[in-house]
Amino acid sequence: MEIVSSVDAKNAFGDVVMKAQKEPVCISKNGKPAAVMISMQDYEEIQSLRERLLHQRLDEGLKAAQKGCVSDSEDVFKELMDIASV
């Protein structure tokens, strides 16, 4: 993954966007990683994976509840929110 300073990313934004179409680009600030720019296709794939995981966990929870295995609702809600959060 290429690393680009925030100043260079600002000055060559179009080039950074083009690079991000091929692979993720790390944007650093003060020499430390601060953000990653990815293509829209990669973003949509990540969102799709997150959604599938959320549905899988919901299905597992429903099956467990039907078997009488019950968890604290706050714990379940927190786990689902962690998965769903961006």
PDB file of N, CA and C in Angstrom:
ATOM      1  N   MET A   1       0.850  -1.165   0.000  1.00  0.00           N
ATOM      2  CA  MET A   1       0.000   0.000   0.000  1.00  0.00           C
ATOM      3  C   MET A   1       0.898   1.229   0.000  1.00  0.00           C
ATOM      4  N   GLU A   2       0.593   2.119  -0.913  1.00  0.00           N
ATOM      5  CA  GLU A   2       1.366   3.356  -0.990  1.00  0.00           C
ATOM      6  C   GLU A   2       0.954   4.291   0.142  1.00  0.00           C
ATOM      7  N   ILE A   3       1.915   5.009   0.679  1.00  0.00           N
ATOM      8  CA  ILE A   3       1.655   5.986   1.735  1.00  0.00           C
ATOM      9  C   ILE A   3       1.914   7.373   1.163  1.00  0.00           C
ATOM     10  N   VAL A   4       0.937   8.263   1.341  1.00  0.00           N
ATOM     11  CA  VAL A   4       1.032   9.626   0.825  1.00  0.00           C
ATOM     12  C   VAL A   4       0.754  10.578   1.986  1.00  0.00           C
ATOM     13  N   SER A   5       1.554  11.614   2.100  1.00  0.00           N
ATOM     14  CA  SER A   5       1.301  12.598   3.161  1.00  0.00           C
ATOM     15  C   SER A   5       0.017  13.353   2.856  1.00  0.00           C
ATOM     16  N   SER A   6      -0.609  13.890   3.873  1.00  0.00           N
ATOM     17  CA  SER A   6      -1.861  14.630   3.670  1.00  0.00           C
ATOM     18  C   SER A   6      -1.633  15.854   2.779  1.00  0.00           C
ATOM     19  N   VAL A   7      -0.473  16.463   2.895  1.00  0.00           N
ATOM     20  CA  VAL A   7      -0.152  17.625   2.054  1.00  0.00           C
ATOM     21  C   VAL A   7      -0.052  17.202   0.589  1.00  0.00           C
ATOM     22  N   ASP A   8       0.667  16.103   0.339  1.00  0.00           N
ATOM     23  CA  ASP A   8       0.794  15.610  -1.031  1.00  0.00           C
ATOM     24  C   ASP A   8      -0.561  15.146  -1.571  1.00  0.00           C
ATOM     25  N   ALA A   9      -1.366  14.522  -0.718  1.00  0.00           N
ATOM     26  CA  ALA A   9      -2.695  14.075  -1.141  1.00  0.00           C
ATOM     27  C   ALA A   9      -3.561  15.267  -1.531  1.00  0.00           C
ATOM     28  N   LYS A  10      -3.454  16.342  -0.771  1.00  0.00           N
ATOM     29  CA  LYS A  10      -4.219  17.555  -1.079  1.00  0.00           C
ATOM     30  C   LYS A  10      -3.759  18.159  -2.405  1.00  0.00           C
ATOM     31  N   ASN A  11      -2.455  18.227  -2.592  1.00  0.00           N
ATOM     32  CA  ASN A  11      -1.905  18.847  -3.795  1.00  0.00           C
ATOM     33  C   ASN A  11      -2.093  18.010  -5.054  1.00  0.00           C
ATOM     34  N   ALA A  12      -2.217  16.696  -4.897  1.00  0.00           N
ATOM     35  CA  ALA A  12      -2.369  15.803  -6.053  1.00  0.00           C
ATOM     36  C   ALA A  12      -3.583  14.899  -5.859  1.00  0.00           C
ATOM     37  N   PHE A  13      -4.676  15.502  -5.432  1.00  0.00           N
ATOM     38  CA  PHE A  13      -5.870  14.724  -5.077  1.00  0.00           C
ATOM     39  C   PHE A  13      -6.329  13.814  -6.214  1.00  0.00           C
ATOM     40  N   GLY A  14      -6.381  14.346  -7.425  1.00  0.00           N
ATOM     41  CA  GLY A  14      -6.816  13.536  -8.576  1.00  0.00           C
ATOM     42  C   GLY A  14      -5.947  12.311  -8.772  1.00  0.00           C
ATOM     43  N   ASP A  15      -4.636  12.476  -8.617  1.00  0.00           N
ATOM     44  CA  ASP A  15      -3.716  11.342  -8.753  1.00  0.00           C
ATOM     45  C   ASP A  15      -3.944  10.305  -7.656  1.00  0.00           C
ATOM     46  N   VAL A  16      -4.196  10.780  -6.445  1.00  0.00           N
ATOM     47  CA  VAL A  16      -4.434   9.860  -5.324  1.00  0.00           C
ATOM     48  C   VAL A  16      -5.729   9.083  -5.565  1.00  0.00           C
ATOM     49  N   VAL A  17      -6.740   9.744  -6.061  1.00  0.00           N
ATOM     50  CA  VAL A  17      -8.009   9.066  -6.376  1.00  0.00           C
ATOM     51  C   VAL A  17      -7.770   7.987  -7.430  1.00  0.00           C
ATOM     52  N   MET A  18      -6.987   8.293  -8.431  1.00  0.00           N
ATOM     53  CA  MET A  18      -6.689   7.301  -9.478  1.00  0.00           C
ATOM     54  C   MET A  18      -5.913   6.112  -8.906  1.00  0.00           C
ATOM     55  N   LYS A  19      -4.950   6.374  -8.025  1.00  0.00           N
ATOM     56  CA  LYS A  19      -4.195   5.290  -7.395  1.00  0.00           C
ATOM     57  C   LYS A  19      -5.108   4.409  -6.554  1.00  0.00           C
ATOM     58  N   ALA A  20      -6.076   5.040  -5.884  1.00  0.00           N
ATOM     59  CA  ALA A  20      -6.984   4.293  -5.010  1.00  0.00           C
ATOM     60  C   ALA A  20      -7.902   3.364  -5.795  1.00  0.00           C
ATOM     61  N   GLN A  21      -8.035   3.600  -7.102  1.00  0.00           N
ATOM     62  CA  GLN A  21      -8.835   2.699  -7.935  1.00  0.00           C
ATOM     63  C   GLN A  21      -8.138   1.354  -8.110  1.00  0.00           C
ATOM     64  N   LYS A  22      -6.824   1.345  -7.944  1.00  0.00           N
ATOM     65  CA  LYS A  22      -6.036   0.131  -8.138  1.00  0.00           C
ATOM     66  C   LYS A  22      -5.713  -0.579  -6.832  1.00  0.00           C
ATOM     67  N   GLU A  23      -5.455   0.222  -5.771  1.00  0.00           N
ATOM     68  CA  GLU A  23      -5.127  -0.338  -4.468  1.00  0.00           C
ATOM     69  C   GLU A  23      -5.371   0.720  -3.397  1.00  0.00           C
ATOM     70  N   PRO A  24      -5.571   0.295  -2.156  1.00  0.00           N
ATOM     71  CA  PRO A  24      -5.756   1.280  -1.086  1.00  0.00           C
ATOM     72  C   PRO A  24      -4.540   2.207  -0.977  1.00  0.00           C
ATOM     73  N   VAL A  25      -4.803   3.455  -0.618  1.00  0.00           N
ATOM     74  CA  VAL A  25      -3.738   4.444  -0.430  1.00  0.00           C
ATOM     75  C   VAL A  25      -3.829   4.955   1.003  1.00  0.00           C
ATOM     76  N   CYS A  26      -2.739   4.845   1.732  1.00  0.00           N
ATOM     77  CA  CYS A  26      -2.680   5.335   3.106  1.00  0.00           C
ATOM     78  C   CYS A  26      -2.341   6.817   3.086  1.00  0.00           C
ATOM     79  N   ILE A  27      -3.118   7.614   3.805  1.00  0.00           N
ATOM     80  CA  ILE A  27      -2.857   9.040   3.939  1.00  0.00           C
ATOM     81  C   ILE A  27      -2.278   9.261   5.334  1.00  0.00           C
ATOM     82  N   SER A  28      -1.070   9.836   5.378  1.00  0.00           N
ATOM     83  CA  SER A  28      -0.430  10.065   6.679  1.00  0.00           C
ATOM     84  C   SER A  28      -0.487  11.541   7.037  1.00  0.00           C
ATOM     85  N   LYS A  29      -0.505  11.778   8.338  1.00  0.00           N
ATOM     86  CA  LYS A  29      -0.462  13.151   8.847  1.00  0.00           C
ATOM     87  C   LYS A  29       0.599  13.168   9.941  1.00  0.00           C
ATOM     88  N   ASN A  30       1.531  14.081   9.815  1.00  0.00           N
ATOM     89  CA  ASN A  30       2.656  14.157  10.751  1.00  0.00           C
ATOM     90  C   ASN A  30       3.398  12.826  10.855  1.00  0.00           C
ATOM     91  N   GLY A  31       3.513  12.143   9.724  1.00  0.00           N
ATOM     92  CA  GLY A  31       4.264  10.885   9.676  1.00  0.00           C
ATOM     93  C   GLY A  31       3.533   9.663  10.207  1.00  0.00           C
ATOM     94  N   LYS A  32       2.275   9.817  10.592  1.00  0.00           N
ATOM     95  CA  LYS A  32       1.506   8.692  11.142  1.00  0.00           C
ATOM     96  C   LYS A  32       0.303   8.408  10.256  1.00  0.00           C
ATOM     97  N   PRO A  33      -0.039   7.124  10.056  1.00  0.00           N
ATOM     98  CA  PRO A  33      -1.218   6.792   9.254  1.00  0.00           C
ATOM     99  C   PRO A  33      -2.467   7.449   9.849  1.00  0.00           C
ATOM    100  N   ALA A  34      -3.246   8.120   9.002  1.00  0.00           N
ATOM    101  CA  ALA A  34      -4.434   8.819   9.479  1.00  0.00           C
ATOM    102  C   ALA A  34      -5.705   8.336   8.793  1.00  0.00           C
ATOM    103  N   ALA A  35      -5.587   7.884   7.549  1.00  0.00           N
ATOM    104  CA  ALA A  35      -6.772   7.461   6.801  1.00  0.00           C
ATOM    105  C   ALA A  35      -6.334   6.558   5.659  1.00  0.00           C
ATOM    106  N   VAL A  36      -7.320   5.878   5.087  1.00  0.00           N
ATOM    107  CA  VAL A  36      -7.070   5.055   3.911  1.00  0.00           C
ATOM    108  C   VAL A  36      -8.116   5.415   2.867  1.00  0.00           C
ATOM    109  N   MET A  37      -7.662   5.649   1.645  1.00  0.00           N
ATOM    110  CA  MET A  37      -8.581   5.900   0.540  1.00  0.00           C
ATOM    111  C   MET A  37      -8.678   4.611  -0.275  1.00  0.00           C
ATOM    112  N   ILE A  38      -9.926   4.189  -0.530  1.00  0.00           N
ATOM    113  CA  ILE A  38     -10.158   2.979  -1.309  1.00  0.00           C
ATOM    114  C   ILE A  38     -11.141   3.287  -2.431  1.00  0.00           C
ATOM    115  N   SER A  39     -11.196   2.392  -3.396  1.00  0.00           N
ATOM    116  CA  SER A  39     -12.127   2.565  -4.508  1.00  0.00           C
ATOM    117  C   SER A  39     -13.557   2.336  -4.020  1.00  0.00           C
ATOM    118  N   MET A  40     -14.512   2.846  -4.776  1.00  0.00           N
ATOM    119  CA  MET A  40     -15.916   2.634  -4.439  1.00  0.00           C
ATOM    120  C   MET A  40     -16.251   1.142  -4.481  1.00  0.00           C
ATOM    121  N   GLN A  41     -15.663   0.424  -5.416  1.00  0.00           N
ATOM    122  CA  GLN A  41     -15.911  -1.014  -5.506  1.00  0.00           C
ATOM    123  C   GLN A  41     -15.443  -1.725  -4.234  1.00  0.00           C
ATOM    124  N   ASP A  42     -14.249  -1.378  -3.746  1.00  0.00           N
ATOM    125  CA  ASP A  42     -13.756  -1.989  -2.507  1.00  0.00           C
ATOM    126  C   ASP A  42     -14.664  -1.634  -1.334  1.00  0.00           C
ATOM    127  N   TYR A  43     -15.099  -0.381  -1.278  1.00  0.00           N
ATOM    128  CA  TYR A  43     -15.988   0.057  -0.199  1.00  0.00           C
ATOM    129  C   TYR A  43     -17.296  -0.729  -0.228  1.00  0.00           C
ATOM    130  N   GLU A  44     -17.879  -0.884  -1.409  1.00  0.00           N
ATOM    131  CA  GLU A  44     -19.137  -1.624  -1.527  1.00  0.00           C
ATOM    132  C   GLU A  44     -18.959  -3.083  -1.133  1.00  0.00           C
ATOM    133  N   GLU A  45     -17.811  -3.678  -1.474  1.00  0.00           N
ATOM    134  CA  GLU A  45     -17.541  -5.061  -1.074  1.00  0.00           C
ATOM    135  C   GLU A  45     -17.434  -5.183   0.446  1.00  0.00           C
ATOM    136  N   ILE A  46     -16.772  -4.232   1.074  1.00  0.00           N
ATOM    137  CA  ILE A  46     -16.654  -4.237   2.536  1.00  0.00           C
ATOM    138  C   ILE A  46     -18.028  -4.102   3.177  1.00  0.00           C
ATOM    139  N   GLN A  47     -18.845  -3.183   2.654  1.00  0.00           N
ATOM    140  CA  GLN A  47     -20.198  -2.996   3.186  1.00  0.00           C
ATOM    141  C   GLN A  47     -21.029  -4.265   3.018  1.00  0.00           C
ATOM    142  N   SER A  48     -20.890  -4.922   1.887  1.00  0.00           N
ATOM    143  CA  SER A  48     -21.621  -6.169   1.641  1.00  0.00           C
ATOM    144  C   SER A  48     -21.193  -7.257   2.621  1.00  0.00           C
ATOM    145  N   LEU A  49     -19.892  -7.369   2.856  1.00  0.00           N
ATOM    146  CA  LEU A  49     -19.396  -8.351   3.828  1.00  0.00           C
ATOM    147  C   LEU A  49     -19.918  -8.053   5.225  1.00  0.00           C
ATOM    148  N   ARG A  50     -19.929  -6.772   5.599  1.00  0.00           N
ATOM    149  CA  ARG A  50     -20.427  -6.376   6.915  1.00  0.00           C
ATOM    150  C   ARG A  50     -21.916  -6.740   7.044  1.00  0.00           C
ATOM    151  N   GLU A  51     -22.672  -6.489   5.991  1.00  0.00           N
ATOM    152  CA  GLU A  51     -24.103  -6.801   6.009  1.00  0.00           C
ATOM    153  C   GLU A  51     -24.333  -8.306   6.110  1.00  0.00           C
ATOM    154  N   ARG A  52     -23.544  -9.095   5.363  1.00  0.00           N
ATOM    155  CA  ARG A  52     -23.695 -10.555   5.434  1.00  0.00           C
ATOM    156  C   ARG A  52     -23.352 -11.064   6.831  1.00  0.00           C
ATOM    157  N   LEU A  53     -22.305 -10.506   7.440  1.00  0.00           N
ATOM    158  CA  LEU A  53     -21.935 -10.900   8.796  1.00  0.00           C
ATOM    159  C   LEU A  53     -23.044 -10.561   9.780  1.00  0.00           C
ATOM    160  N   LEU A  54     -23.630  -9.381   9.637  1.00  0.00           N
ATOM    161  CA  LEU A  54     -24.719  -8.975  10.505  1.00  0.00           C
ATOM    162  C   LEU A  54     -25.906  -9.935  10.373  1.00  0.00           C
ATOM    163  N   HIS A  55     -26.270 -10.275   9.145  1.00  0.00           N
ATOM    164  CA  HIS A  55     -27.370 -11.220   8.940  1.00  0.00           C
ATOM    165  C   HIS A  55     -27.041 -12.599   9.516  1.00  0.00           C
ATOM    166  N   GLN A  56     -25.792 -13.018   9.350  1.00  0.00           N
ATOM    167  CA  GLN A  56     -25.368 -14.310   9.897  1.00  0.00           C
ATOM    168  C   GLN A  56     -25.507 -14.319  11.419  1.00  0.00           C
ATOM    169  N   ARG A  57     -25.053 -13.246  12.064  1.00  0.00           N
ATOM    170  CA  ARG A  57     -25.144 -13.167  13.527  1.00  0.00           C
ATOM    171  C   ARG A  57     -26.603 -13.128  13.976  1.00  0.00           C
ATOM    172  N   LEU A  58     -27.441 -12.412  13.235  1.00  0.00           N
ATOM    173  CA  LEU A  58     -28.863 -12.381  13.579  1.00  0.00           C
ATOM    174  C   LEU A  58     -29.481 -13.769  13.465  1.00  0.00           C
ATOM    175  N   ASP A  59     -29.169 -14.484  12.389  1.00  0.00           N
ATOM    176  CA  ASP A  59     -29.680 -15.845  12.209  1.00  0.00           C
ATOM    177  C   ASP A  59     -29.210 -16.767  13.334  1.00  0.00           C
ATOM    178  N   GLU A  60     -27.926 -16.664  13.687  1.00  0.00           N
ATOM    179  CA  GLU A  60     -27.390 -17.480  14.780  1.00  0.00           C
ATOM    180  C   GLU A  60     -28.106 -17.160  16.093  1.00  0.00           C
ATOM    181  N   GLY A  61     -28.352 -15.881  16.317  1.00  0.00           N
ATOM    182  CA  GLY A  61     -29.042 -15.471  17.541  1.00  0.00           C
ATOM    183  C   GLY A  61     -30.469 -15.994  17.602  1.00  0.00           C
ATOM    184  N   LEU A  62     -31.166 -15.928  16.479  1.00  0.00           N
ATOM    185  CA  LEU A  62     -32.536 -16.446  16.450  1.00  0.00           C
ATOM    186  C   LEU A  62     -32.567 -17.949  16.705  1.00  0.00           C
ATOM    187  N   LYS A  63     -31.638 -18.680  16.098  1.00  0.00           N
ATOM    188  CA  LYS A  63     -31.579 -20.131  16.314  1.00  0.00           C
ATOM    189  C   LYS A  63     -31.260 -20.442  17.772  1.00  0.00           C
ATOM    190  N   ALA A  64     -30.332 -19.690  18.361  1.00  0.00           N
ATOM    191  CA  ALA A  64     -29.981 -19.903  19.767  1.00  0.00           C
ATOM    192  C   ALA A  64     -31.181 -19.603  20.657  1.00  0.00           C
ATOM    193  N   ALA A  65     -31.917 -18.537  20.351  1.00  0.00           N
ATOM    194  CA  ALA A  65     -33.094 -18.183  21.147  1.00  0.00           C
ATOM    195  C   ALA A  65     -34.161 -19.262  21.053  1.00  0.00           C
ATOM    196  N   GLN A  66     -34.327 -19.833  19.868  1.00  0.00           N
ATOM    197  CA  GLN A  66     -35.311 -20.904  19.693  1.00  0.00           C
ATOM    198  C   GLN A  66     -34.936 -22.138  20.505  1.00  0.00           C
ATOM    199  N   LYS A  67     -33.642 -22.331  20.743  1.00  0.00           N
ATOM    200  CA  LYS A  67     -33.173 -23.460  21.545  1.00  0.00           C
ATOM    201  C   LYS A  67     -33.179 -23.136  23.028  1.00  0.00           C
ATOM    202  N   GLY A  68     -33.533 -21.904  23.372  1.00  0.00           N
ATOM    203  CA  GLY A  68     -33.590 -21.512  24.771  1.00  0.00           C
ATOM    204  C   GLY A  68     -32.319 -20.872  25.294  1.00  0.00           C
ATOM    205  N   CYS A  69     -31.335 -20.705  24.421  1.00  0.00           N
ATOM    206  CA  CYS A  69     -30.093 -20.046  24.821  1.00  0.00           C
ATOM    207  C   CYS A  69     -30.299 -18.544  24.654  1.00  0.00           C
ATOM    208  N   VAL A  70     -30.327 -17.832  25.763  1.00  0.00           N
ATOM    209  CA  VAL A  70     -30.618 -16.404  25.716  1.00  0.00           C
ATOM    210  C   VAL A  70     -29.451 -15.636  26.318  1.00  0.00           C
ATOM    211  N   SER A  71     -29.090 -14.534  25.657  1.00  0.00           N
ATOM    212  CA  SER A  71     -28.039 -13.653  26.148  1.00  0.00           C
ATOM    213  C   SER A  71     -28.664 -12.354  26.624  1.00  0.00           C
ATOM    214  N   ASP A  72     -27.916 -11.606  27.377  1.00  0.00           N
ATOM    215  CA  ASP A  72     -28.357 -10.292  27.826  1.00  0.00           C
ATOM    216  C   ASP A  72     -28.574  -9.412  26.601  1.00  0.00           C
ATOM    217  N   SER A  73     -29.721  -8.755  26.536  1.00  0.00           N
ATOM    218  CA  SER A  73     -30.059  -7.954  25.357  1.00  0.00           C
ATOM    219  C   SER A  73     -29.069  -6.824  25.119  1.00  0.00           C
ATOM    220  N   GLU A  74     -28.527  -6.245  26.174  1.00  0.00           N
ATOM    221  CA  GLU A  74     -27.556  -5.159  25.998  1.00  0.00           C
ATOM    222  C   GLU A  74     -26.282  -5.668  25.330  1.00  0.00           C
ATOM    223  N   ASP A  75     -25.827  -6.866  25.701  1.00  0.00           N
ATOM    224  CA  ASP A  75     -24.637  -7.443  25.076  1.00  0.00           C
ATOM    225  C   ASP A  75     -24.877  -7.725  23.600  1.00  0.00           C
ATOM    226  N   VAL A  76     -26.032  -8.283  23.288  1.00  0.00           N
ATOM    227  CA  VAL A  76     -26.377  -8.593  21.900  1.00  0.00           C
ATOM    228  C   VAL A  76     -26.465  -7.306  21.086  1.00  0.00           C
ATOM    229  N   PHE A  77     -27.144  -6.306  21.613  1.00  0.00           N
ATOM    230  CA  PHE A  77     -27.297  -5.043  20.900  1.00  0.00           C
ATOM    231  C   PHE A  77     -25.943  -4.392  20.657  1.00  0.00           C
ATOM    232  N   LYS A  78     -25.069  -4.410  21.653  1.00  0.00           N
ATOM    233  CA  LYS A  78     -23.733  -3.814  21.503  1.00  0.00           C
ATOM    234  C   LYS A  78     -22.953  -4.530  20.414  1.00  0.00           C
ATOM    235  N   GLU A  79     -23.002  -5.862  20.402  1.00  0.00           N
ATOM    236  CA  GLU A  79     -22.271  -6.618  19.381  1.00  0.00           C
ATOM    237  C   GLU A  79     -22.796  -6.296  17.984  1.00  0.00           C
ATOM    238  N   LEU A  80     -24.115  -6.223  17.830  1.00  0.00           N
ATOM    239  CA  LEU A  80     -24.688  -5.905  16.529  1.00  0.00           C
ATOM    240  C   LEU A  80     -24.326  -4.484  16.086  1.00  0.00           C
ATOM    241  N   MET A  81     -24.334  -3.555  17.018  1.00  0.00           N
ATOM    242  CA  MET A  81     -23.965  -2.176  16.684  1.00  0.00           C
ATOM    243  C   MET A  81     -22.494  -2.085  16.300  1.00  0.00           C
ATOM    244  N   ASP A  82     -21.635  -2.871  16.953  1.00  0.00           N
ATOM    245  CA  ASP A  82     -20.214  -2.889  16.598  1.00  0.00           C
ATOM    246  C   ASP A  82     -20.024  -3.376  15.163  1.00  0.00           C
ATOM    247  N   ILE A  83     -20.792  -4.386  14.778  1.00  0.00           N
ATOM    248  CA  ILE A  83     -20.704  -4.920  13.421  1.00  0.00           C
ATOM    249  C   ILE A  83     -21.240  -3.898  12.412  1.00  0.00           C
ATOM    250  N   ALA A  84     -22.340  -3.254  12.752  1.00  0.00           N
ATOM    251  CA  ALA A  84     -23.019  -2.357  11.814  1.00  0.00           C
ATOM    252  C   ALA A  84     -22.339  -1.000  11.695  1.00  0.00           C
ATOM    253  N   SER A  85     -21.571  -0.604  12.696  1.00  0.00           N
ATOM    254  CA  SER A  85     -20.986   0.733  12.653  1.00  0.00           C
ATOM    255  C   SER A  85     -19.911   0.821  11.586  1.00  0.00           C
ATOM    256  N   VAL A  86     -19.805   1.971  11.035  1.00  0.00           N
ATOM    257  CA  VAL A  86     -18.845   2.196   9.938  1.00  0.00           C
ATOM    258  C   VAL A  86     -17.527   2.636  10.494  1.00  0.00           C
TER     259      VAL A  86
END
